[in-house]
Amino acid sequence: MTGSGRLTYVYAVVPDGQVLRTVLSGVHGVSGAPVSLLGADTPGTPPEGPDPAFVVSRVEAQEFDERTLKARFEDLEWLESVARAHHEVVQAIAGHDTVLPLRLATLYQDDDRAREALAAQRSVFAERLALLRGRSEWGVKVYISAPGPREDRDGAAGPASTTELSPGKAYLRRRRAQHTVQETHYRNAQVAAESIEALVSRYTTHRVRHPAQRGALAGPEENVLNDAYLVPDDRAESFRTALAAVAVDIDGVRVEVTGPWAPYSFAMPPPPPDPPQEDAVRDGPAP
């Protein structure tokens, strides 16, 4: 432990440098603790580029030990406060230098253990920082609208009005109309996705395809595409402008572009590819 029963909490990996050390001197993280840089202090030939360092603060062991964390991850209010503090530290760094965000609640018993871990992955971190330099993450999502009251009305209208149909037949007519509208929206979404894929290859270097969002995260619409792209900063405005026009005239489809973000989706190399399978999720360099 880092003295007095405290653990070392690690937010991210960054290039070690005096400018960033100065920036972090006024930043506070989880539990309001001051944030600082922790270098590996490893002798020998450094990797190409700036030497990686951890961004750290100290937290109370009684609040972050393994047993307590398991229970506290069920406490959504506590989890939200930690996640927000973690994210704010990462975003503060992203405004000044390259940042490689680490997973929430990355903890070491003390600074010495953290230094050992940093030294062990020194080359990997250096390569990843070099990849992320001058690039930011952008999100692209495609949503399909649910059939609304208008489709209900259109489905109920026709040669025989609802007043002329039995309740059962009127219901089946509305369901058929909704199904037809939804199928049209799916086809339109496929067109939008193909347009996006053709466009982004001009501006991006890497892509990660996340699972489509469900439930409260997606809202009243259906999320059918949830991609993250790594975009060089000097192409970001062109990237956003190009995508803004993709779904303007496509019925039932909405394209959402967000960013720039710290590159959470590209913090570490993607896992080795699975054996070829139909419809397999594809990570890594964008086509």
Protein backbone atom coordinates (compact mmCIF):
# COMPACT_ATOMS: atom_id res chain seq x y z
CA MET A 1 0.00 0.00 0.00
CA THR A 2 1.03 3.59 -0.58
CA GLY A 3 1.43 4.37 3.09
CA SER A 4 -1.48 4.87 5.52
CA GLY A 5 -3.56 2.20 3.79
CA ARG A 6 -3.76 3.82 0.39
CA LEU A 7 -3.65 2.31 -3.10
CA THR A 8 -2.32 3.77 -6.34
CA TYR A 9 -5.13 4.52 -8.80
CA VAL A 10 -4.02 4.80 -12.45
CA TYR A 11 -6.08 6.81 -14.95
CA ALA A 12 -4.02 6.73 -18.12
CA VAL A 13 -0.65 6.48 -19.79
CA VAL A 14 0.87 9.67 -21.24
CA PRO A 15 4.21 10.88 -22.64
CA ASP A 16 6.27 12.03 -19.68
CA GLY A 17 7.04 15.74 -19.88
CA GLN A 18 7.29 18.90 -17.80
CA VAL A 19 4.36 20.64 -19.54
CA LEU A 20 1.97 17.86 -18.61
CA ARG A 21 3.33 17.69 -15.09
CA THR A 22 2.48 21.39 -14.75
CA VAL A 23 -1.01 20.90 -16.21
CA LEU A 24 -1.78 18.08 -13.79
CA SER A 25 -0.64 20.09 -10.78
CA GLY A 26 -4.14 21.61 -10.60
CA VAL A 27 -6.17 18.51 -11.46
CA HIS A 28 -8.04 16.37 -8.92
CA GLY A 29 -9.41 12.90 -9.54
CA VAL A 30 -11.30 10.17 -7.71
CA SER A 31 -12.29 11.18 -4.15
CA GLY A 32 -10.91 14.65 -4.87
CA ALA A 33 -7.31 13.45 -4.61
CA PRO A 34 -4.57 15.42 -6.43
CA VAL A 35 -3.33 13.84 -9.66
CA SER A 36 0.32 13.52 -10.69
CA LEU A 37 2.66 11.71 -13.08
CA LEU A 38 4.49 8.53 -12.07
CA GLY A 39 7.45 7.60 -14.26
CA ALA A 40 8.98 4.15 -14.53
CA ASP A 41 12.44 5.35 -13.45
CA THR A 42 13.82 2.49 -15.50
CA PRO A 43 17.48 2.58 -16.56
CA GLY A 44 18.45 1.62 -20.05
CA THR A 45 17.56 2.71 -23.55
CA PRO A 46 14.13 4.39 -23.62
CA PRO A 47 11.64 3.49 -26.36
CA GLU A 48 11.35 5.73 -29.38
CA GLY A 49 9.59 8.98 -28.56
CA PRO A 50 8.70 10.29 -25.08
CA ASP A 51 8.98 7.83 -22.22
CA PRO A 52 5.52 6.66 -21.01
CA ALA A 53 4.32 7.61 -17.55
CA PHE A 54 1.23 6.76 -15.48
CA VAL A 55 -1.26 9.43 -14.41
CA VAL A 56 -2.06 8.51 -10.80
CA SER A 57 -3.67 9.54 -7.55
CA ARG A 58 -4.08 7.75 -4.23
CA VAL A 59 -7.28 6.26 -2.88
CA GLU A 60 -8.17 4.67 0.43
CA ALA A 61 -7.65 0.92 0.42
CA GLN A 62 -10.73 0.33 2.54
CA GLU A 63 -12.86 1.87 -0.24
CA PHE A 64 -11.09 0.27 -3.24
CA ASP A 65 -9.85 -3.14 -2.15
CA GLU A 66 -11.09 -6.09 -4.21
CA ARG A 67 -13.86 -7.15 -1.87
CA THR A 68 -15.25 -3.64 -1.45
CA LEU A 69 -15.09 -2.93 -5.18
CA LYS A 70 -17.23 -5.97 -6.00
CA ALA A 71 -19.97 -4.61 -3.77
CA ARG A 72 -19.57 -1.02 -4.85
CA PHE A 73 -19.85 -1.79 -8.56
CA GLU A 74 -23.51 -2.52 -7.77
CA ASP A 75 -23.90 0.99 -6.31
CA LEU A 76 -24.72 3.00 -9.43
CA GLU A 77 -24.46 6.37 -7.72
CA TRP A 78 -20.96 5.61 -6.41
CA LEU A 79 -19.94 4.07 -9.74
CA GLU A 80 -21.12 7.14 -11.64
CA SER A 81 -19.11 9.48 -9.41
CA VAL A 82 -15.92 7.44 -9.89
CA ALA A 83 -16.48 7.13 -13.64
CA ARG A 84 -17.05 10.88 -13.95
CA ALA A 85 -13.90 11.70 -11.98
CA HIS A 86 -11.87 9.21 -14.05
CA HIS A 87 -13.23 10.64 -17.32
CA GLU A 88 -12.61 14.26 -16.31
CA VAL A 89 -8.95 13.49 -15.62
CA VAL A 90 -8.59 11.78 -19.00
CA GLN A 91 -10.32 14.65 -20.81
CA ALA A 92 -8.15 17.21 -19.03
CA ILE A 93 -5.06 15.44 -20.38
CA ALA A 94 -6.56 15.07 -23.87
CA GLY A 95 -6.79 18.84 -24.10
CA HIS A 96 -3.01 19.13 -23.83
CA ASP A 97 -1.31 15.95 -25.00
CA THR A 98 -1.70 12.38 -26.21
CA VAL A 99 -3.50 10.14 -23.72
CA LEU A 100 -3.94 6.39 -23.52
CA PRO A 101 -6.92 5.90 -21.16
CA LEU A 102 -6.88 2.90 -18.85
CA ARG A 103 -9.84 0.91 -17.53
CA LEU A 104 -11.87 2.30 -14.65
CA ALA A 105 -10.44 1.32 -11.24
CA THR A 106 -6.99 0.24 -12.44
CA LEU A 107 -5.29 -0.15 -9.07
CA TYR A 108 -1.89 -1.16 -7.68
CA GLN A 109 -0.87 -1.90 -4.15
CA ASP A 110 1.55 1.02 -4.15
CA ASP A 111 3.67 3.24 -6.42
CA ASP A 112 6.46 0.67 -6.63
CA ARG A 113 4.07 -1.98 -7.99
CA ALA A 114 2.71 0.57 -10.45
CA ARG A 115 6.24 1.40 -11.63
CA GLU A 116 6.96 -2.28 -12.15
CA ALA A 117 3.84 -2.63 -14.30
CA LEU A 118 4.74 0.48 -16.28
CA ALA A 119 8.27 -0.75 -16.87
CA ALA A 120 7.04 -4.18 -17.96
CA GLN A 121 4.80 -2.66 -20.68
CA ARG A 122 7.04 0.28 -21.55
CA SER A 123 7.49 -0.60 -25.22
CA VAL A 124 3.81 -1.49 -25.76
CA PHE A 125 2.68 1.78 -24.22
CA ALA A 126 5.22 3.77 -26.24
CA GLU A 127 4.01 2.21 -29.50
CA ARG A 128 0.38 2.90 -28.63
CA LEU A 129 1.11 6.52 -27.70
CA ALA A 130 2.87 6.97 -31.04
CA LEU A 131 -0.23 5.63 -32.84
CA LEU A 132 -2.59 7.95 -30.95
CA ARG A 133 -0.49 11.11 -31.28
CA GLY A 134 -2.39 13.81 -33.20
CA ARG A 135 -5.55 11.68 -33.43
CA SER A 136 -8.88 11.62 -31.61
CA GLU A 137 -11.80 9.25 -31.34
CA TRP A 138 -15.11 10.04 -33.05
CA GLY A 139 -18.33 8.08 -32.65
CA VAL A 140 -20.75 7.32 -35.48
CA LYS A 141 -24.15 5.78 -34.71
CA VAL A 142 -27.10 4.98 -36.96
CA TYR A 143 -30.61 4.89 -35.51
CA ILE A 144 -33.93 3.73 -36.96
CA SER A 145 -37.12 5.49 -35.98
CA ALA A 146 -39.97 3.41 -34.63
CA PRO A 147 -43.23 3.52 -36.66
CA GLY A 148 -45.37 6.23 -35.14
CA PRO A 149 -49.01 7.30 -35.08
CA ARG A 150 -48.84 8.34 -38.72
CA GLU A 151 -48.08 4.78 -39.80
CA ASP A 152 -50.97 3.59 -37.63
CA ARG A 153 -53.31 5.97 -39.39
CA ASP A 154 -52.01 5.07 -42.85
CA GLY A 155 -52.36 1.40 -42.06
CA ALA A 156 -55.90 1.85 -40.88
CA ALA A 157 -56.88 3.82 -43.96
CA GLY A 158 -57.64 2.12 -47.24
CA PRO A 159 -60.47 0.77 -49.31
CA ALA A 160 -62.30 -0.12 -46.13
CA SER A 161 -62.01 2.31 -43.23
CA THR A 162 -61.72 1.18 -39.62
CA THR A 163 -65.39 1.83 -39.16
CA GLU A 164 -66.03 -0.81 -41.84
CA LEU A 165 -63.60 -3.41 -40.48
CA SER A 166 -63.89 -5.58 -37.46
CA PRO A 167 -61.46 -4.68 -34.63
CA GLY A 168 -59.35 -7.75 -35.41
CA LYS A 169 -58.96 -6.94 -39.11
CA ALA A 170 -58.22 -3.28 -38.38
CA TYR A 171 -55.45 -4.36 -35.95
CA LEU A 172 -53.89 -6.73 -38.51
CA ARG A 173 -53.93 -3.98 -41.13
CA ARG A 174 -52.10 -1.62 -38.82
CA ARG A 175 -49.50 -4.28 -37.97
CA ARG A 176 -48.86 -5.00 -41.66
CA ALA A 177 -48.40 -1.29 -42.33
CA GLN A 178 -45.96 -0.93 -39.42
CA HIS A 179 -43.98 -3.94 -40.61
CA THR A 180 -43.71 -2.49 -44.11
CA VAL A 181 -42.53 0.87 -42.77
CA GLN A 182 -39.96 -0.79 -40.47
CA GLU A 183 -38.59 -2.91 -43.32
CA THR A 184 -38.18 0.26 -45.38
CA HIS A 185 -36.30 1.91 -42.50
CA TYR A 186 -33.94 -1.09 -42.22
CA ARG A 187 -33.17 -0.92 -45.95
CA ASN A 188 -32.57 2.83 -45.66
CA ALA A 189 -30.25 2.24 -42.69
CA GLN A 190 -28.24 -0.24 -44.75
CA VAL A 191 -27.87 2.40 -47.47
CA ALA A 192 -26.72 4.93 -44.87
CA ALA A 193 -24.20 2.45 -43.40
CA GLU A 194 -22.74 1.74 -46.83
CA SER A 195 -22.46 5.47 -47.54
CA ILE A 196 -20.68 6.00 -44.22
CA GLU A 197 -18.22 3.19 -44.88
CA ALA A 198 -17.40 4.61 -48.31
CA LEU A 199 -16.85 8.10 -46.88
CA VAL A 200 -14.88 7.48 -43.71
CA SER A 201 -12.02 5.62 -45.34
CA ARG A 202 -10.89 9.01 -46.70
CA TYR A 203 -10.50 10.54 -43.25
CA THR A 204 -9.86 7.80 -40.66
CA THR A 205 -7.06 5.39 -39.84
CA HIS A 206 -8.70 2.82 -37.56
CA ARG A 207 -12.17 1.61 -36.64
CA VAL A 208 -13.70 -0.34 -33.75
CA ARG A 209 -17.20 -1.74 -34.18
CA HIS A 210 -19.05 -1.79 -30.86
CA PRO A 211 -22.25 -3.77 -30.23
CA ALA A 212 -25.41 -1.81 -31.01
CA GLN A 213 -26.84 -0.15 -27.92
CA ARG A 214 -30.04 -1.45 -26.38
CA GLY A 215 -32.52 -0.27 -23.77
CA ALA A 216 -32.19 3.11 -22.12
CA LEU A 217 -28.87 3.83 -23.87
CA ALA A 218 -30.56 3.79 -27.28
CA GLY A 219 -33.68 5.73 -26.24
CA PRO A 220 -36.92 5.42 -28.24
CA GLU A 221 -35.05 4.64 -31.48
CA GLU A 222 -33.28 1.42 -32.50
CA ASN A 223 -29.50 1.66 -32.70
CA VAL A 224 -28.24 -0.45 -35.61
CA LEU A 225 -24.65 0.82 -36.01
CA ASN A 226 -22.22 1.87 -33.26
CA ASP A 227 -18.72 2.52 -34.59
CA ALA A 228 -15.72 4.40 -33.23
CA TYR A 229 -13.14 5.89 -35.58
CA LEU A 230 -9.63 7.18 -35.00
CA VAL A 231 -9.37 10.44 -36.93
CA PRO A 232 -6.26 12.59 -37.44
CA ASP A 233 -7.01 15.99 -35.93
CA ASP A 234 -6.27 17.81 -39.19
CA ARG A 235 -9.02 15.79 -40.94
CA ALA A 236 -11.64 16.01 -38.19
CA GLU A 237 -13.63 18.91 -39.60
CA SER A 238 -13.79 17.33 -43.07
CA PHE A 239 -14.84 14.02 -41.47
CA ARG A 240 -17.69 15.63 -39.57
CA THR A 241 -18.85 17.72 -42.52
CA ALA A 242 -18.91 14.72 -44.86
CA LEU A 243 -20.98 12.60 -42.47
CA ALA A 244 -23.43 15.39 -41.66
CA ALA A 245 -25.03 15.02 -45.09
CA VAL A 246 -25.33 11.22 -45.16
CA ALA A 247 -28.87 10.78 -43.80
CA VAL A 248 -30.39 14.17 -44.47
CA ASP A 249 -32.89 12.83 -47.01
CA ILE A 250 -33.17 9.20 -45.84
CA ASP A 251 -36.56 8.45 -44.34
CA GLY A 252 -36.62 6.90 -40.87
CA VAL A 253 -32.84 7.01 -40.33
CA ARG A 254 -30.74 9.27 -38.10
CA VAL A 255 -26.95 9.44 -38.12
CA GLU A 256 -25.24 10.75 -34.97
CA VAL A 257 -21.62 11.90 -35.05
CA THR A 258 -19.93 12.75 -31.73
CA GLY A 259 -16.43 13.79 -30.77
CA PRO A 260 -13.64 14.48 -30.42
CA TRP A 261 -13.15 12.08 -27.50
CA ALA A 262 -10.16 10.65 -25.70
CA PRO A 263 -9.37 7.41 -27.57
CA TYR A 264 -10.90 4.90 -25.14
CA SER A 265 -11.78 2.50 -27.98
CA PHE A 266 -8.18 2.44 -29.22
CA ALA A 267 -6.30 2.39 -25.93
CA MET A 268 -4.93 -1.07 -26.46
CA PRO A 269 -4.37 -3.22 -29.55
CA PRO A 270 -7.43 -5.19 -30.68
CA PRO A 271 -7.49 -8.89 -29.73
CA PRO A 272 -6.29 -11.45 -32.29
CA PRO A 273 -8.93 -12.01 -34.96
CA ASP A 274 -11.28 -14.95 -34.60
CA PRO A 275 -11.47 -17.56 -37.34
CA PRO A 276 -13.43 -16.22 -40.33
CA GLN A 277 -17.14 -16.31 -39.66
CA GLU A 278 -20.05 -14.81 -41.46
CA ASP A 279 -21.12 -11.48 -39.94
CA ALA A 280 -18.07 -11.46 -37.59
CA VAL A 281 -17.34 -8.13 -35.91
CA ARG A 282 -14.26 -6.52 -37.50
CA ASP A 283 -11.75 -4.47 -35.50
CA GLY A 284 -8.52 -2.79 -36.47
CA PRO A 285 -7.55 -0.64 -39.41
CA ALA A 286 -10.45 0.81 -41.34
CA PRO A 287 -10.82 -0.53 -44.88
